Amino acid sequence: MRSHTALVAELNDKVHACLKDLIFDGTPLAILDFPDIRNCGDSAIWLGEMAYLQARHAVRPAYVSRIADFSPEALERRMPEGPLLIHGGGNFGDLWVAHQDFREQVIERFPDRPVIQFPQSIHYRSPDRADISARVIGRHRNFVLLVRDEESKHFAEQHFDCDVRLCPDMAFCIGPIQPDPAQFPVLAMLRADRESALDAAGRSAHPDIPVEDWISESRMSVRMSKARGALAALLAGNSSEVRLSRLDAAAHNRVRRGIRQLSRGRAIVTDRLHVHIVSLLLGRPHAVLDNSYGKVRRFMSAFSGGTDLSYLATSLDDGIEWARERAAREASA
């Protein structure tokens, strides 16, 4: 069994092996589809992307945008050349179609720019929608698709005419995190959206176990973080980085919230991929359930299994039993 710190270091090196011939020191780049949403996991990916660019290439993006405020004209003015990187995650396909539509618009709008997709999980329900994506990708001769599991890699190689590479999730580039002190034995962090494979009865079957998700936030706190980020850029004389500093500050706010929330449990039970990843960064033991289409299991099989901190549970009851036992061991250590 590897230690979690050894695993994190190993995955950081694998990320760099995938990207080192695609990003060059001194070349301007953009990151598109910033995740200005409540889900802490998406912000953890963003912070990992930023940490990777800083640590390995000493670069910050020249242009960033959310879907809603993306401007091709502003992008071209800011950086007439250079690669376009699209934020990673689990939205490649037709489950979260707004992100796929945006991704394909970027690919079509910039046929002569390198477009690099940070690591994604792929899931299509409709073969017709996959065919549309294939046609868009096929017309672009310099698109690189990083994927987070072998199944996604196989699907992409079968359907898309592009460079496909297996790469760990970018959140690992944050590196190890010091947790806050635990407050109680077991915390269940379970999703309640379209990716959940659990029913309501199962989620409430253990009344002594707190059941939460990490998508609740204080809008005021996030707005204040954005304002402080923008002000810091202005005071430093970096007016061109105001938007980047605003969004980066929001991501830090959300990840700090997630860390505080997760740290409360001595052991965790979850069906969220990034609760699993952040638990590894924190060194917190956790039982892992799959999401609705196998994303979590697939990622663990490719990259993040093989430590004594994580346990792939067969059911919620199994996961909670494991977490209870592990929390008791941790408390007595």
Protein backbone atom coordinates (compact mmCIF):
# COMPACT_ATOMS: atom_id res chain seq x y z
CA MET A 1 0.00 0.00 0.00
CA ARG A 2 1.31 3.45 -0.92
CA SER A 3 0.96 6.36 1.45
CA HIS A 4 -1.45 9.04 0.35
CA THR A 5 1.40 11.56 0.08
CA ALA A 6 3.35 9.23 -2.21
CA LEU A 7 0.24 8.73 -4.34
CA VAL A 8 -0.35 12.49 -4.64
CA ALA A 9 3.27 13.07 -5.70
CA GLU A 10 3.07 10.24 -8.23
CA LEU A 11 -0.12 11.61 -9.77
CA ASN A 12 1.37 15.09 -9.98
CA ASP A 13 4.20 13.66 -12.04
CA LYS A 14 1.73 11.83 -14.29
CA VAL A 15 -0.17 15.07 -14.90
CA HIS A 16 3.06 16.76 -15.99
CA ALA A 17 3.97 13.85 -18.25
CA CYS A 18 0.67 14.39 -20.08
CA LEU A 19 0.97 18.16 -20.41
CA LYS A 20 4.68 18.97 -20.67
CA ASP A 21 4.75 18.89 -24.49
CA LEU A 22 1.55 20.94 -24.80
CA ILE A 23 2.32 23.97 -22.62
CA PHE A 24 5.46 26.04 -23.06
CA ASP A 25 7.00 28.52 -20.65
CA GLY A 26 6.41 32.08 -21.80
CA THR A 27 3.56 31.23 -24.20
CA PRO A 28 0.27 32.94 -23.30
CA LEU A 29 -2.70 30.66 -22.69
CA ALA A 30 -6.36 30.86 -21.77
CA ILE A 31 -8.54 28.76 -19.47
CA LEU A 32 -12.21 28.69 -20.41
CA ASP A 33 -15.37 27.54 -18.57
CA PHE A 34 -14.41 28.70 -15.07
CA PRO A 35 -16.73 26.85 -12.61
CA ASP A 36 -18.51 29.73 -10.86
CA ILE A 37 -20.80 27.28 -9.08
CA ARG A 38 -21.31 26.07 -5.50
CA ASN A 39 -19.77 22.62 -5.98
CA CYS A 40 -16.42 22.63 -4.14
CA GLY A 41 -15.08 19.84 -6.33
CA ASP A 42 -15.09 21.97 -9.47
CA SER A 43 -13.21 24.70 -7.62
CA ALA A 44 -10.65 22.13 -6.43
CA ILE A 45 -10.03 21.20 -10.06
CA TRP A 46 -9.56 24.88 -10.92
CA LEU A 47 -7.06 25.43 -8.08
CA GLY A 48 -5.18 22.34 -9.24
CA GLU A 49 -5.03 23.69 -12.79
CA MET A 50 -3.70 27.01 -11.54
CA ALA A 51 -1.21 25.29 -9.20
CA TYR A 52 0.09 23.11 -12.04
CA LEU A 53 0.63 26.07 -14.37
CA GLN A 54 2.45 28.02 -11.66
CA ALA A 55 4.60 25.16 -10.33
CA ARG A 56 5.61 23.61 -13.65
CA HIS A 57 5.56 26.58 -16.05
CA ALA A 58 5.57 29.74 -13.85
CA VAL A 59 2.60 31.07 -15.83
CA ARG A 60 -0.83 32.49 -15.13
CA PRO A 61 -3.51 32.48 -17.82
CA ALA A 62 -3.70 35.62 -19.95
CA TYR A 63 -7.47 35.19 -20.39
CA VAL A 64 -10.11 33.38 -18.33
CA SER A 65 -13.87 33.25 -18.63
CA ARG A 66 -17.02 31.58 -17.48
CA ILE A 67 -19.46 30.32 -20.10
CA ALA A 68 -21.69 33.34 -19.58
CA ASP A 69 -19.05 36.03 -20.08
CA PHE A 70 -16.90 34.40 -22.75
CA SER A 71 -15.99 36.79 -25.58
CA PRO A 72 -14.09 35.47 -28.61
CA GLU A 73 -13.23 39.04 -29.55
CA ALA A 74 -11.81 39.86 -26.12
CA LEU A 75 -9.84 36.61 -26.15
CA GLU A 76 -8.28 37.44 -29.53
CA ARG A 77 -7.40 40.96 -28.41
CA ARG A 78 -5.82 39.74 -25.18
CA MET A 79 -3.87 36.85 -26.74
CA PRO A 80 -3.75 36.69 -30.56
CA GLU A 81 -1.97 33.35 -30.32
CA GLY A 82 -1.47 30.55 -27.84
CA PRO A 83 -3.38 27.47 -26.67
CA LEU A 84 -6.90 27.46 -25.29
CA LEU A 85 -7.38 25.18 -22.28
CA ILE A 86 -10.87 24.10 -21.23
CA HIS A 87 -11.56 23.46 -17.56
CA GLY A 88 -11.63 19.81 -16.54
CA GLY A 89 -14.23 17.77 -14.65
CA GLY A 90 -17.00 15.32 -15.37
CA ASN A 91 -19.14 17.13 -17.94
CA PHE A 92 -17.87 15.79 -21.27
CA GLY A 93 -20.95 14.33 -22.95
CA ASP A 94 -24.66 15.01 -22.79
CA LEU A 95 -25.39 14.78 -19.07
CA TRP A 96 -24.37 18.41 -18.47
CA VAL A 97 -25.03 19.61 -21.99
CA ALA A 98 -24.38 23.35 -21.53
CA HIS A 99 -20.70 22.61 -20.95
CA GLN A 100 -20.50 20.32 -23.97
CA ASP A 101 -22.22 22.89 -26.18
CA PHE A 102 -19.74 25.55 -25.04
CA ARG A 103 -16.77 23.24 -25.56
CA GLU A 104 -17.84 22.50 -29.12
CA GLN A 105 -18.45 26.19 -29.85
CA VAL A 106 -14.87 26.94 -28.81
CA ILE A 107 -13.49 24.11 -30.96
CA GLU A 108 -15.44 25.36 -33.98
CA ARG A 109 -14.69 29.06 -33.39
CA PHE A 110 -10.89 28.55 -33.20
CA PRO A 111 -9.95 25.95 -35.82
CA ASP A 112 -6.33 27.15 -36.00
CA ARG A 113 -5.61 27.35 -32.26
CA PRO A 114 -4.41 24.43 -30.14
CA VAL A 115 -7.34 23.47 -27.89
CA ILE A 116 -6.51 21.33 -24.86
CA GLN A 117 -9.21 19.75 -22.75
CA PHE A 118 -8.08 19.35 -19.13
CA PRO A 119 -8.91 15.85 -17.77
CA GLN A 120 -12.56 14.83 -18.11
CA SER A 121 -14.82 11.82 -17.62
CA ILE A 122 -16.94 11.03 -20.70
CA HIS A 123 -20.56 9.94 -20.59
CA TYR A 124 -23.07 10.04 -23.45
CA ARG A 125 -26.62 8.77 -23.22
CA SER A 126 -27.37 9.51 -26.89
CA PRO A 127 -25.28 8.05 -29.74
CA ASP A 128 -26.58 10.86 -31.96
CA ARG A 129 -25.16 13.49 -29.59
CA ALA A 130 -21.83 11.66 -29.53
CA ASP A 131 -21.82 11.73 -33.34
CA ILE A 132 -22.28 15.51 -33.29
CA SER A 133 -19.29 15.86 -30.97
CA ALA A 134 -17.26 13.56 -33.22
CA ARG A 135 -17.94 15.70 -36.28
CA VAL A 136 -16.97 18.91 -34.45
CA ILE A 137 -13.76 17.38 -33.10
CA GLY A 138 -12.92 15.81 -36.47
CA ARG A 139 -12.93 19.19 -38.18
CA HIS A 140 -10.35 20.56 -35.72
CA ARG A 141 -6.86 19.27 -36.38
CA ASN A 142 -5.22 20.34 -33.11
CA PHE A 143 -7.52 19.23 -30.30
CA VAL A 144 -6.06 17.25 -27.38
CA LEU A 145 -8.45 15.43 -25.07
CA LEU A 146 -7.25 14.39 -21.61
CA VAL A 147 -9.44 11.79 -19.90
CA ARG A 148 -9.54 10.50 -16.33
CA ASP A 149 -10.24 6.79 -16.81
CA GLU A 150 -9.66 3.90 -19.19
CA GLU A 151 -13.31 3.64 -20.23
CA SER A 152 -13.36 7.29 -21.28
CA LYS A 153 -10.08 6.79 -23.14
CA HIS A 154 -11.46 3.78 -25.00
CA PHE A 155 -14.66 5.65 -25.91
CA ALA A 156 -12.74 8.69 -27.14
CA GLU A 157 -10.31 6.63 -29.21
CA GLN A 158 -13.23 4.79 -30.81
CA HIS A 159 -15.33 7.88 -31.58
CA PHE A 160 -13.08 10.95 -31.87
CA ASP A 161 -10.32 11.80 -34.32
CA CYS A 162 -7.94 13.57 -31.93
CA ASP A 163 -5.02 13.06 -29.57
CA VAL A 164 -6.39 11.25 -26.46
CA ARG A 165 -4.33 10.93 -23.28
CA LEU A 166 -5.04 9.29 -19.93
CA CYS A 167 -4.38 11.85 -17.19
CA PRO A 168 -5.16 12.16 -13.46
CA ASP A 169 -7.58 14.78 -12.21
CA MET A 170 -6.00 18.22 -11.90
CA ALA A 171 -7.11 18.64 -8.27
CA PHE A 172 -4.18 16.45 -7.21
CA CYS A 173 -1.88 19.32 -8.20
CA ILE A 174 -3.06 21.21 -5.11
CA GLY A 175 -0.91 18.84 -3.09
CA PRO A 176 -1.40 17.58 0.48
CA ILE A 177 -3.64 19.70 2.74
CA GLN A 178 -3.56 19.99 6.53
CA PRO A 179 -7.06 19.11 7.86
CA ASP A 180 -8.86 20.80 10.71
CA PRO A 181 -9.48 18.71 13.86
CA ALA A 182 -12.28 16.13 13.56
CA GLN A 183 -15.49 16.83 15.48
CA PHE A 184 -17.36 13.50 15.25
CA PRO A 185 -16.76 9.95 13.98
CA VAL A 186 -18.46 9.63 10.56
CA LEU A 187 -19.71 12.14 8.00
CA ALA A 188 -21.66 11.07 4.90
CA MET A 189 -21.11 13.40 1.94
CA LEU A 190 -23.69 12.25 -0.60
CA ARG A 191 -24.88 13.89 -3.78
CA ALA A 192 -28.60 14.41 -4.44
CA ASP A 193 -28.44 15.42 -8.12
CA ARG A 194 -28.80 13.54 -11.40
CA GLU A 195 -25.54 11.65 -10.79
CA SER A 196 -26.68 10.04 -7.55
CA ALA A 197 -27.24 6.28 -7.52
CA LEU A 198 -28.85 6.31 -4.03
CA ASP A 199 -32.52 6.61 -3.16
CA ALA A 200 -33.93 8.83 -0.42
CA ALA A 201 -34.64 5.88 1.86
CA GLY A 202 -31.03 4.74 1.73
CA ARG A 203 -29.71 8.21 2.49
CA SER A 204 -31.81 8.41 5.68
CA ALA A 205 -31.28 4.85 6.94
CA HIS A 206 -28.63 5.84 9.51
CA PRO A 207 -30.06 8.70 11.58
CA ASP A 208 -26.95 9.00 13.76
CA ILE A 209 -24.77 9.79 10.74
CA PRO A 210 -24.86 13.38 9.44
CA VAL A 211 -25.74 13.35 5.72
CA GLU A 212 -24.59 16.44 3.83
CA ASP A 213 -23.40 17.68 0.46
CA TRP A 214 -20.96 20.47 -0.33
CA ILE A 215 -23.07 22.64 -2.60
CA SER A 216 -24.45 25.08 0.01
CA GLU A 217 -22.63 28.37 0.35
CA SER A 218 -22.92 31.93 1.55
CA ARG A 219 -23.35 34.09 -1.53
CA MET A 220 -22.23 37.09 0.48
CA SER A 221 -19.00 35.35 1.48
CA VAL A 222 -18.23 34.46 -2.15
CA ARG A 223 -19.04 38.00 -3.35
CA MET A 224 -16.75 39.46 -0.70
CA SER A 225 -13.95 37.10 -1.72
CA LYS A 226 -14.35 38.17 -5.34
CA ALA A 227 -14.25 41.85 -4.35
CA ARG A 228 -11.09 41.32 -2.29
CA GLY A 229 -9.47 39.46 -5.18
CA ALA A 230 -10.26 42.24 -7.63
CA LEU A 231 -9.00 44.89 -5.21
CA ALA A 232 -5.75 43.03 -4.64
CA ALA A 233 -5.09 42.95 -8.38
CA LEU A 234 -5.80 46.67 -8.71
CA LEU A 235 -3.60 47.59 -5.75
CA ALA A 236 -0.78 45.51 -7.24
CA GLY A 237 -1.13 47.41 -10.52
CA ASN A 238 -2.36 44.33 -12.37
CA SER A 239 -5.52 45.70 -13.93
CA SER A 240 -5.38 43.01 -16.63
CA GLU A 241 -5.75 40.34 -13.93
CA VAL A 242 -8.85 41.69 -12.20
CA ARG A 243 -11.16 39.01 -13.62
CA LEU A 244 -8.68 36.21 -12.94
CA SER A 245 -8.14 37.40 -9.37
CA ARG A 246 -11.90 37.66 -8.74
CA LEU A 247 -12.59 34.15 -9.97
CA ASP A 248 -9.52 32.64 -8.33
CA ALA A 249 -10.58 34.14 -4.98
CA ALA A 250 -14.04 32.56 -5.35
CA ALA A 251 -12.47 29.16 -6.00
CA HIS A 252 -10.27 29.49 -2.90
CA ASN A 253 -13.33 30.47 -0.84
CA ARG A 254 -15.24 27.39 -1.97
CA VAL A 255 -12.40 24.94 -1.45
CA ARG A 256 -11.73 26.31 2.05
CA ARG A 257 -15.41 25.73 2.81
CA GLY A 258 -15.15 22.15 1.57
CA ILE A 259 -12.04 21.50 3.62
CA ARG A 260 -13.71 22.79 6.79
CA GLN A 261 -16.77 20.66 6.12
CA LEU A 262 -14.88 17.45 5.36
CA SER A 263 -12.48 17.85 8.26
CA ARG A 264 -15.35 17.52 10.74
CA GLY A 265 -15.64 13.78 10.13
CA ARG A 266 -12.95 11.43 11.41
CA ALA A 267 -13.98 9.13 8.54
CA ILE A 268 -16.04 9.95 5.45
CA VAL A 269 -18.57 8.10 3.29
CA THR A 270 -19.13 9.59 -0.16
CA ASP A 271 -20.28 9.12 -3.73
CA ARG A 272 -18.58 12.32 -4.94
CA LEU A 273 -15.32 11.92 -6.84
CA HIS A 274 -13.80 15.09 -5.44
CA VAL A 275 -14.75 14.30 -1.86
CA HIS A 276 -12.67 11.17 -2.47
CA ILE A 277 -9.82 13.22 -3.97
CA VAL A 278 -9.86 15.96 -1.33
CA SER A 279 -10.07 13.29 1.41
CA LEU A 280 -6.85 11.83 0.01
CA LEU A 281 -5.24 15.28 0.05
CA LEU A 282 -6.38 15.71 3.67
CA GLY A 283 -5.27 12.24 4.72
CA ARG A 284 -8.82 11.38 5.87
CA PRO A 285 -10.01 7.74 5.62
CA HIS A 286 -13.12 7.39 3.49
CA ALA A 287 -15.46 4.79 2.05
CA VAL A 288 -16.37 5.41 -1.59
CA LEU A 289 -19.61 4.62 -3.43
CA ASP A 290 -20.05 5.01 -7.17
CA ASN A 291 -22.10 7.64 -8.94
CA SER A 292 -24.85 6.85 -11.44
CA TYR A 293 -22.60 5.97 -14.39
CA GLY A 294 -19.42 4.57 -12.83
CA LYS A 295 -17.27 7.71 -12.82
CA VAL A 296 -15.87 7.23 -9.32
CA ARG A 297 -15.05 3.54 -9.65
CA ARG A 298 -13.44 4.13 -13.04
CA PHE A 299 -11.20 6.88 -11.71
CA MET A 300 -10.12 4.86 -8.68
CA SER A 301 -9.30 1.92 -10.93
CA ALA A 302 -7.14 4.12 -13.16
CA PHE A 303 -5.37 6.23 -10.57
CA SER A 304 -6.40 6.61 -6.95
CA GLY A 305 -6.98 3.14 -5.54
CA GLY A 306 -4.29 1.29 -3.65
CA THR A 307 -4.01 3.28 -0.43
CA ASP A 308 -5.32 2.27 2.97
CA LEU A 309 -7.21 5.57 3.21
CA SER A 310 -9.95 4.65 0.72
CA TYR A 311 -12.33 1.71 0.60
CA LEU A 312 -14.57 0.93 -2.39
CA ALA A 313 -17.86 0.07 -0.67
CA THR A 314 -20.46 -2.28 -2.09
CA SER A 315 -23.39 -0.35 -0.56
CA LEU A 316 -24.09 2.59 1.70
CA ASP A 317 -24.50 0.24 4.67
CA ASP A 318 -21.15 -1.39 3.88
CA GLY A 319 -19.48 2.00 3.57
CA ILE A 320 -20.86 3.27 6.86
CA GLU A 321 -19.84 0.09 8.68
CA TRP A 322 -16.29 0.46 7.34
CA ALA A 323 -16.20 4.16 8.26
CA ARG A 324 -17.43 3.47 11.81
CA GLU A 325 -14.69 0.91 12.33
CA ARG A 326 -12.01 3.13 10.81
CA ALA A 327 -13.11 6.17 12.86
CA ALA A 328 -12.87 4.12 16.04
CA ARG A 329 -9.35 3.02 15.11
CA GLU A 330 -8.35 6.61 14.36
CA ALA A 331 -9.76 7.82 17.68
CA SER A 332 -7.84 5.22 19.66
CA ALA A 333 -4.55 5.64 17.78
